[in-house]
Amino acid sequence: MSSTTSKPINIVFSRNEPRLRKRTTCGDLYTLTSNEFPILKNLSIQRLALQVGGVREPHWHGNANKIIYCLSGSALITIVGNQGEYNTFGITVGQAFFVPSGYAHHVENVRKDAISEFIIGLSHELPEEFNFSMTFGPMSDKVLGNTFRLH
């Protein structure tokens, strides 16, 4: 009889894992991808906790659709499509919304007294994220000035 050994699969993660957290002055974003949890295929998950008045920087995902569910609080959402169409709306506890891949979006906590929390599902195990601040970094002051007519 031959014996085989198997490698255990880590199936439990804590939001307190420091490597999962991205902390900003606006709040915390925890991300779990296949890098941390190899069993994930076509899926990753995030938890977003926005401080009072906190705004998740406008961004988009080039390879993943997204669904966001509000766990607590309320938020103002803006989604901008690839052809210039946009929608701004509010959500509260128990509501969810969908963002297609490539659409820019932001989430703003409109609560005056508490954080707002969200669970986010993305349709890729390693979602690409492009923030607005990333797009302006490589541009010179002259290019930005000409683009936005800041003479």
Foldseek 3Di string as FASTA:
>chain_A
DDDDDDDDFDDDDDQPPVVQWDDDPQWIKGKAFCVNHVVDAQKIKIKTKGFAFGKDFWKFWQPKKKKKAWQAAKWWKKKADPVGDIDIDMDGHGDMDIHGHPIIMMITGNDRPGIIMMMMMIRGRDIDMDGPVNVCVVDDPVVVCVVVVVD
